[in-house]
C-alpha atoms as a PDB file:
ATOM      1  CA  MET A   1     286.460  81.800 111.919  1.00  0.00           C
ATOM      2  CA  THR A   2     283.334  81.909 109.748  1.00  0.00           C
ATOM      3  CA  LEU A   3     285.123  80.088 106.928  1.00  0.00           C
ATOM      4  CA  LYS A   4     285.988  77.214 109.278  1.00  0.00           C
ATOM      5  CA  LYS A   5     282.339  76.904 110.344  1.00  0.00           C
ATOM      6  CA  ILE A   6     281.191  76.783 106.723  1.00  0.00           C
ATOM      7  CA  GLU A   7     283.862  74.224 105.893  1.00  0.00           C
ATOM      8  CA  ARG A   8     282.837  72.016 108.826  1.00  0.00           C
ATOM      9  CA  SER A   9     279.163  72.148 107.852  1.00  0.00           C
ATOM     10  CA  LEU A  10     280.014  71.235 104.255  1.00  0.00           C
ATOM     11  CA  ASP A  11     282.191  68.343 105.439  1.00  0.00           C
ATOM     12  CA  ARG A  12     279.203  66.885 107.281  1.00  0.00           C
ATOM     13  CA  CYS A  13     277.147  66.592 104.076  1.00  0.00           C
ATOM     14  CA  ASN A  14     280.067  65.654 101.799  1.00  0.00           C
ATOM     15  CA  HIS A  15     278.685  62.214 100.891  1.00  0.00           C
ATOM     16  CA  LEU A  16     275.302  63.681 100.033  1.00  0.00           C
ATOM     17  CA  MET A  17     276.914  66.272  97.767  1.00  0.00           C
ATOM     18  CA  GLU A  18     278.919  63.559  96.001  1.00  0.00           C
ATOM     19  CA  LEU A  19     275.760  61.501  95.474  1.00  0.00           C
ATOM     20  CA  LEU A  20     273.894  64.503  94.062  1.00  0.00           C
ATOM     21  CA  ARG A  21     276.800  65.350  91.752  1.00  0.00           C
ATOM     22  CA  THR A  22     276.878  61.782  90.457  1.00  0.00           C
ATOM     23  CA  CYS A  23     273.106  61.682  89.923  1.00  0.00           C
ATOM     24  CA  LEU A  24     273.109  65.008  88.084  1.00  0.00           C
ATOM     25  CA  GLY A  25     275.932  63.820  85.836  1.00  0.00           C
ATOM     26  CA  VAL A  26     274.090  60.624  84.949  1.00  0.00           C
ATOM     27  CA  MET A  27     270.833  62.502  84.290  1.00  0.00           C
ATOM     28  CA  THR A  28     272.665  64.988  82.056  1.00  0.00           C
ATOM     29  CA  LEU A  29     274.245  62.158  80.092  1.00  0.00           C
ATOM     30  CA  LEU A  30     270.883  60.410  79.625  1.00  0.00           C
ATOM     31  CA  LEU A  31     269.250  63.642  78.507  1.00  0.00           C
ATOM     32  CA  GLN A  32     271.996  64.233  75.938  1.00  0.00           C
ATOM     33  CA  VAL A  33     271.543  60.703  74.563  1.00  0.00           C
ATOM     34  CA  VAL A  34     267.769  61.210  74.262  1.00  0.00           C
ATOM     35  CA  ILE A  35     268.285  64.546  72.486  1.00  0.00           C
ATOM     36  CA  LEU A  36     270.775  63.000  70.044  1.00  0.00           C
ATOM     37  CA  LEU A  37     268.479  60.063  69.325  1.00  0.00           C
ATOM     38  CA  LYS A  38     265.580  62.421  68.637  1.00  0.00           C
ATOM     39  CA  LEU A  39     267.807  64.614  66.488  1.00  0.00           C
ATOM     40  CA  PHE A  40     268.792  61.691  64.275  1.00  0.00           C
ATOM     41  CA  GLY A  41     265.264  60.294  64.131  1.00  0.00           C
ATOM     42  CA  VAL A  42     265.925  57.067  65.988  1.00  0.00           C
ATOM     43  CA  ILE A  43     263.077  57.665  68.427  1.00  0.00           C
END
């Protein structure tokens, strides 16, 4: 019963969670590029 309530509440904010996951992925990728550029002395 409790599991179904949790699942329903997570389903309501599913689009928000997908947006946050996408944004975090893009930010991680950008941070890795900046670190690599600094490592190789480009910036």
